[in-house]
Amino acid sequence: MENEGSDQHGEDFAQLLKRLKDEYSVNETEVAKRIGVSVSAVNTWSHRKRTPRPDVLRRIAQAFPKFTLEELFAATERLGPGPLSPDAEARILDLIRSLPREQQEIAEVQLRAMRDLNEGRTKAN
């Protein structure tokens, strides 16, 4: 997926990746090792040939916590996960817990389908 887009700071993913490497004093090999991808994958991101999938963006945020999911998703022009307050999380769990097992399973399938749909979407879709 080509990416010439930018986040709120005018930064595309290749620029963010360069900043990440500078901030953490790591090279592409170390980035790849920490997030469990090949060095060639990181290289394609550096050269704007592709951008990482949402699951990889999450691993980047975990491995390099100075970079938020919000800025990582923005740099790839992908829709990121919305905020979920503790109160909203509790309300959602209460709703799911009140359903019979079969309906809980259906709700889980529906939520996974929405997540999977959103993971393929960009801000332009």
C-alpha atoms as a PDB file:
ATOM      1  CA  MET A   1       0.000   0.000   0.000  1.00  0.00           C
ATOM      2  CA  GLU A   2       1.522   3.290  -1.075  1.00  0.00           C
ATOM      3  CA  ASN A   3       1.665   5.992   1.533  1.00  0.00           C
ATOM      4  CA  GLU A   4       2.477   9.563   0.784  1.00  0.00           C
ATOM      5  CA  GLY A   5       0.073  10.848   3.428  1.00  0.00           C
ATOM      6  CA  SER A   6       0.829  12.605   6.642  1.00  0.00           C
ATOM      7  CA  ASP A   7      -0.386  12.914  10.197  1.00  0.00           C
ATOM      8  CA  GLN A   8      -1.197  16.137  12.026  1.00  0.00           C
ATOM      9  CA  HIS A   9       2.531  17.003  12.069  1.00  0.00           C
ATOM     10  CA  GLY A  10       2.978  16.582   8.305  1.00  0.00           C
ATOM     11  CA  GLU A  11       4.749  13.274   8.899  1.00  0.00           C
ATOM     12  CA  ASP A  12       4.226  10.138   6.821  1.00  0.00           C
ATOM     13  CA  PHE A  13       5.166   6.703   8.136  1.00  0.00           C
ATOM     14  CA  ALA A  14       8.667   6.733   6.636  1.00  0.00           C
ATOM     15  CA  GLN A  15       9.376  10.003   8.443  1.00  0.00           C
ATOM     16  CA  LEU A  16       7.895   8.678  11.676  1.00  0.00           C
ATOM     17  CA  LEU A  17      10.037   5.539  11.372  1.00  0.00           C
ATOM     18  CA  LYS A  18      13.160   7.658  10.933  1.00  0.00           C
ATOM     19  CA  ARG A  19      12.215   9.662  14.028  1.00  0.00           C
ATOM     20  CA  LEU A  20      11.591   6.426  15.955  1.00  0.00           C
ATOM     21  CA  LYS A  21      15.012   5.051  14.988  1.00  0.00           C
ATOM     22  CA  ASP A  22      16.655   8.318  16.052  1.00  0.00           C
ATOM     23  CA  GLU A  23      14.680   8.546  19.308  1.00  0.00           C
ATOM     24  CA  TYR A  24      15.535   4.985  20.349  1.00  0.00           C
ATOM     25  CA  SER A  25      18.995   4.861  18.702  1.00  0.00           C
ATOM     26  CA  VAL A  26      18.080   1.697  16.787  1.00  0.00           C
ATOM     27  CA  ASN A  27      18.566   0.541  13.208  1.00  0.00           C
ATOM     28  CA  GLU A  28      16.129  -1.292  10.932  1.00  0.00           C
ATOM     29  CA  THR A  29      17.421  -4.671  12.100  1.00  0.00           C
ATOM     30  CA  GLU A  30      16.669  -3.842  15.730  1.00  0.00           C
ATOM     31  CA  VAL A  31      13.227  -2.446  14.876  1.00  0.00           C
ATOM     32  CA  ALA A  32      12.429  -5.652  12.974  1.00  0.00           C
ATOM     33  CA  LYS A  33      13.657  -7.837  15.832  1.00  0.00           C
ATOM     34  CA  ARG A  34      11.623  -5.984  18.473  1.00  0.00           C
ATOM     35  CA  ILE A  35       8.351  -6.184  16.536  1.00  0.00           C
ATOM     36  CA  GLY A  36       8.778  -9.605  14.959  1.00  0.00           C
ATOM     37  CA  VAL A  37       8.991  -8.730  11.265  1.00  0.00           C
ATOM     38  CA  SER A  38      11.682  -9.091   8.633  1.00  0.00           C
ATOM     39  CA  VAL A  39      14.292  -6.416   8.043  1.00  0.00           C
ATOM     40  CA  SER A  40      13.055  -6.224   4.438  1.00  0.00           C
ATOM     41  CA  ALA A  41       9.569  -5.284   5.726  1.00  0.00           C
ATOM     42  CA  VAL A  42      11.012  -2.391   7.726  1.00  0.00           C
ATOM     43  CA  ASN A  43      13.039  -1.390   4.671  1.00  0.00           C
ATOM     44  CA  THR A  44       9.911  -1.236   2.496  1.00  0.00           C
ATOM     45  CA  TRP A  45       8.338   1.117   5.040  1.00  0.00           C
ATOM     46  CA  SER A  46      11.458   3.303   5.060  1.00  0.00           C
ATOM     47  CA  HIS A  47      11.286   3.585   1.273  1.00  0.00           C
ATOM     48  CA  ARG A  48       7.534   4.311   1.186  1.00  0.00           C
ATOM     49  CA  LYS A  49       6.747   1.130  -0.747  1.00  0.00           C
ATOM     50  CA  ARG A  50       4.291  -0.088   1.900  1.00  0.00           C
ATOM     51  CA  THR A  51       3.012   0.728   5.364  1.00  0.00           C
ATOM     52  CA  PRO A  52       2.603  -1.711   8.242  1.00  0.00           C
ATOM     53  CA  ARG A  53      -0.664  -3.529   8.925  1.00  0.00           C
ATOM     54  CA  PRO A  54      -2.671  -2.460  11.998  1.00  0.00           C
ATOM     55  CA  ASP A  55      -1.507  -5.474  14.029  1.00  0.00           C
ATOM     56  CA  VAL A  56       2.097  -4.457  13.361  1.00  0.00           C
ATOM     57  CA  LEU A  57       1.335  -0.850  14.319  1.00  0.00           C
ATOM     58  CA  ARG A  58       0.137  -2.175  17.681  1.00  0.00           C
ATOM     59  CA  ARG A  59       3.384  -4.112  18.136  1.00  0.00           C
ATOM     60  CA  ILE A  60       5.376  -0.976  17.279  1.00  0.00           C
ATOM     61  CA  ALA A  61       3.455   0.996  19.921  1.00  0.00           C
ATOM     62  CA  GLN A  62       4.183  -1.730  22.492  1.00  0.00           C
ATOM     63  CA  ALA A  63       7.873  -2.008  21.628  1.00  0.00           C
ATOM     64  CA  PHE A  64       8.417   1.749  21.315  1.00  0.00           C
ATOM     65  CA  PRO A  65       6.020   3.376  23.810  1.00  0.00           C
ATOM     66  CA  LYS A  66       7.091   6.950  23.026  1.00  0.00           C
ATOM     67  CA  PHE A  67       5.003   6.498  19.846  1.00  0.00           C
ATOM     68  CA  THR A  68       1.263   6.321  20.383  1.00  0.00           C
ATOM     69  CA  LEU A  69      -1.190   4.217  18.425  1.00  0.00           C
ATOM     70  CA  GLU A  70      -2.886   7.443  17.415  1.00  0.00           C
ATOM     71  CA  GLU A  71       0.210   8.876  15.750  1.00  0.00           C
ATOM     72  CA  LEU A  72       1.185   5.540  14.185  1.00  0.00           C
ATOM     73  CA  PHE A  73      -2.253   5.088  12.611  1.00  0.00           C
ATOM     74  CA  ALA A  74      -2.315   8.740  11.509  1.00  0.00           C
ATOM     75  CA  ALA A  75       1.074   8.408   9.793  1.00  0.00           C
ATOM     76  CA  THR A  76      -0.276   5.465   7.775  1.00  0.00           C
ATOM     77  CA  GLU A  77      -3.575   7.247   7.072  1.00  0.00           C
ATOM     78  CA  ARG A  78      -5.468   4.368   8.665  1.00  0.00           C
ATOM     79  CA  LEU A  79      -8.442   4.653  10.962  1.00  0.00           C
ATOM     80  CA  GLY A  80      -7.171   4.001  14.449  1.00  0.00           C
ATOM     81  CA  PRO A  81      -9.014   2.535  17.391  1.00  0.00           C
ATOM     82  CA  GLY A  82     -11.278   4.938  19.221  1.00  0.00           C
ATOM     83  CA  PRO A  83     -10.835   5.784  22.865  1.00  0.00           C
ATOM     84  CA  LEU A  84     -12.714   3.614  25.350  1.00  0.00           C
ATOM     85  CA  SER A  85     -13.253   5.020  28.817  1.00  0.00           C
ATOM     86  CA  PRO A  86     -13.417   2.644  31.777  1.00  0.00           C
ATOM     87  CA  ASP A  87     -17.137   3.459  32.124  1.00  0.00           C
ATOM     88  CA  ALA A  88     -17.821   2.619  28.466  1.00  0.00           C
ATOM     89  CA  GLU A  89     -15.837  -0.596  28.774  1.00  0.00           C
ATOM     90  CA  ALA A  90     -17.834  -1.603  31.863  1.00  0.00           C
ATOM     91  CA  ARG A  91     -21.152  -0.844  30.100  1.00  0.00           C
ATOM     92  CA  ILE A  92     -20.156  -2.921  27.063  1.00  0.00           C
ATOM     93  CA  LEU A  93     -19.044  -5.848  29.215  1.00  0.00           C
ATOM     94  CA  ASP A  94     -22.266  -5.669  31.236  1.00  0.00           C
ATOM     95  CA  LEU A  95     -24.275  -5.803  28.018  1.00  0.00           C
ATOM     96  CA  ILE A  96     -22.354  -8.809  26.740  1.00  0.00           C
ATOM     97  CA  ARG A  97     -22.553 -10.597  30.101  1.00  0.00           C
ATOM     98  CA  SER A  98     -26.341 -10.170  30.103  1.00  0.00           C
ATOM     99  CA  LEU A  99     -26.681 -12.132  26.854  1.00  0.00           C
ATOM    100  CA  PRO A 100     -27.076 -15.902  26.571  1.00  0.00           C
ATOM    101  CA  ARG A 101     -23.898 -17.750  25.512  1.00  0.00           C
ATOM    102  CA  GLU A 102     -25.051 -18.129  21.886  1.00  0.00           C
ATOM    103  CA  GLN A 103     -25.714 -14.397  21.574  1.00  0.00           C
ATOM    104  CA  GLN A 104     -22.366 -13.609  23.216  1.00  0.00           C
ATOM    105  CA  GLU A 105     -20.697 -15.695  20.516  1.00  0.00           C
ATOM    106  CA  ILE A 106     -22.652 -13.855  17.808  1.00  0.00           C
ATOM    107  CA  ALA A 107     -21.681 -10.490  19.334  1.00  0.00           C
ATOM    108  CA  GLU A 108     -18.026 -11.543  19.338  1.00  0.00           C
ATOM    109  CA  VAL A 109     -18.202 -12.571  15.669  1.00  0.00           C
ATOM    110  CA  GLN A 110     -19.835  -9.238  14.789  1.00  0.00           C
ATOM    111  CA  LEU A 111     -17.236  -7.233  16.707  1.00  0.00           C
ATOM    112  CA  ARG A 112     -14.398  -9.137  15.028  1.00  0.00           C
ATOM    113  CA  ALA A 113     -15.977  -8.512  11.616  1.00  0.00           C
ATOM    114  CA  MET A 114     -16.202  -4.754  12.323  1.00  0.00           C
ATOM    115  CA  ARG A 115     -12.594  -4.705  13.518  1.00  0.00           C
ATOM    116  CA  ASP A 116     -11.407  -6.608  10.454  1.00  0.00           C
ATOM    117  CA  LEU A 117     -13.327  -4.251   8.173  1.00  0.00           C
ATOM    118  CA  ASN A 118     -11.827  -1.198   9.855  1.00  0.00           C
ATOM    119  CA  GLU A 119      -8.300  -2.592   9.725  1.00  0.00           C
ATOM    120  CA  GLY A 120      -8.435  -2.505   5.955  1.00  0.00           C
ATOM    121  CA  ARG A 121      -9.873   1.002   5.770  1.00  0.00           C
ATOM    122  CA  THR A 122      -8.032   4.280   5.499  1.00  0.00           C
ATOM    123  CA  LYS A 123      -9.205   7.776   6.328  1.00  0.00           C
ATOM    124  CA  ALA A 124     -10.018   8.308   2.646  1.00  0.00           C
ATOM    125  CA  ASN A 125     -12.445   5.306   2.461  1.00  0.00           C
END
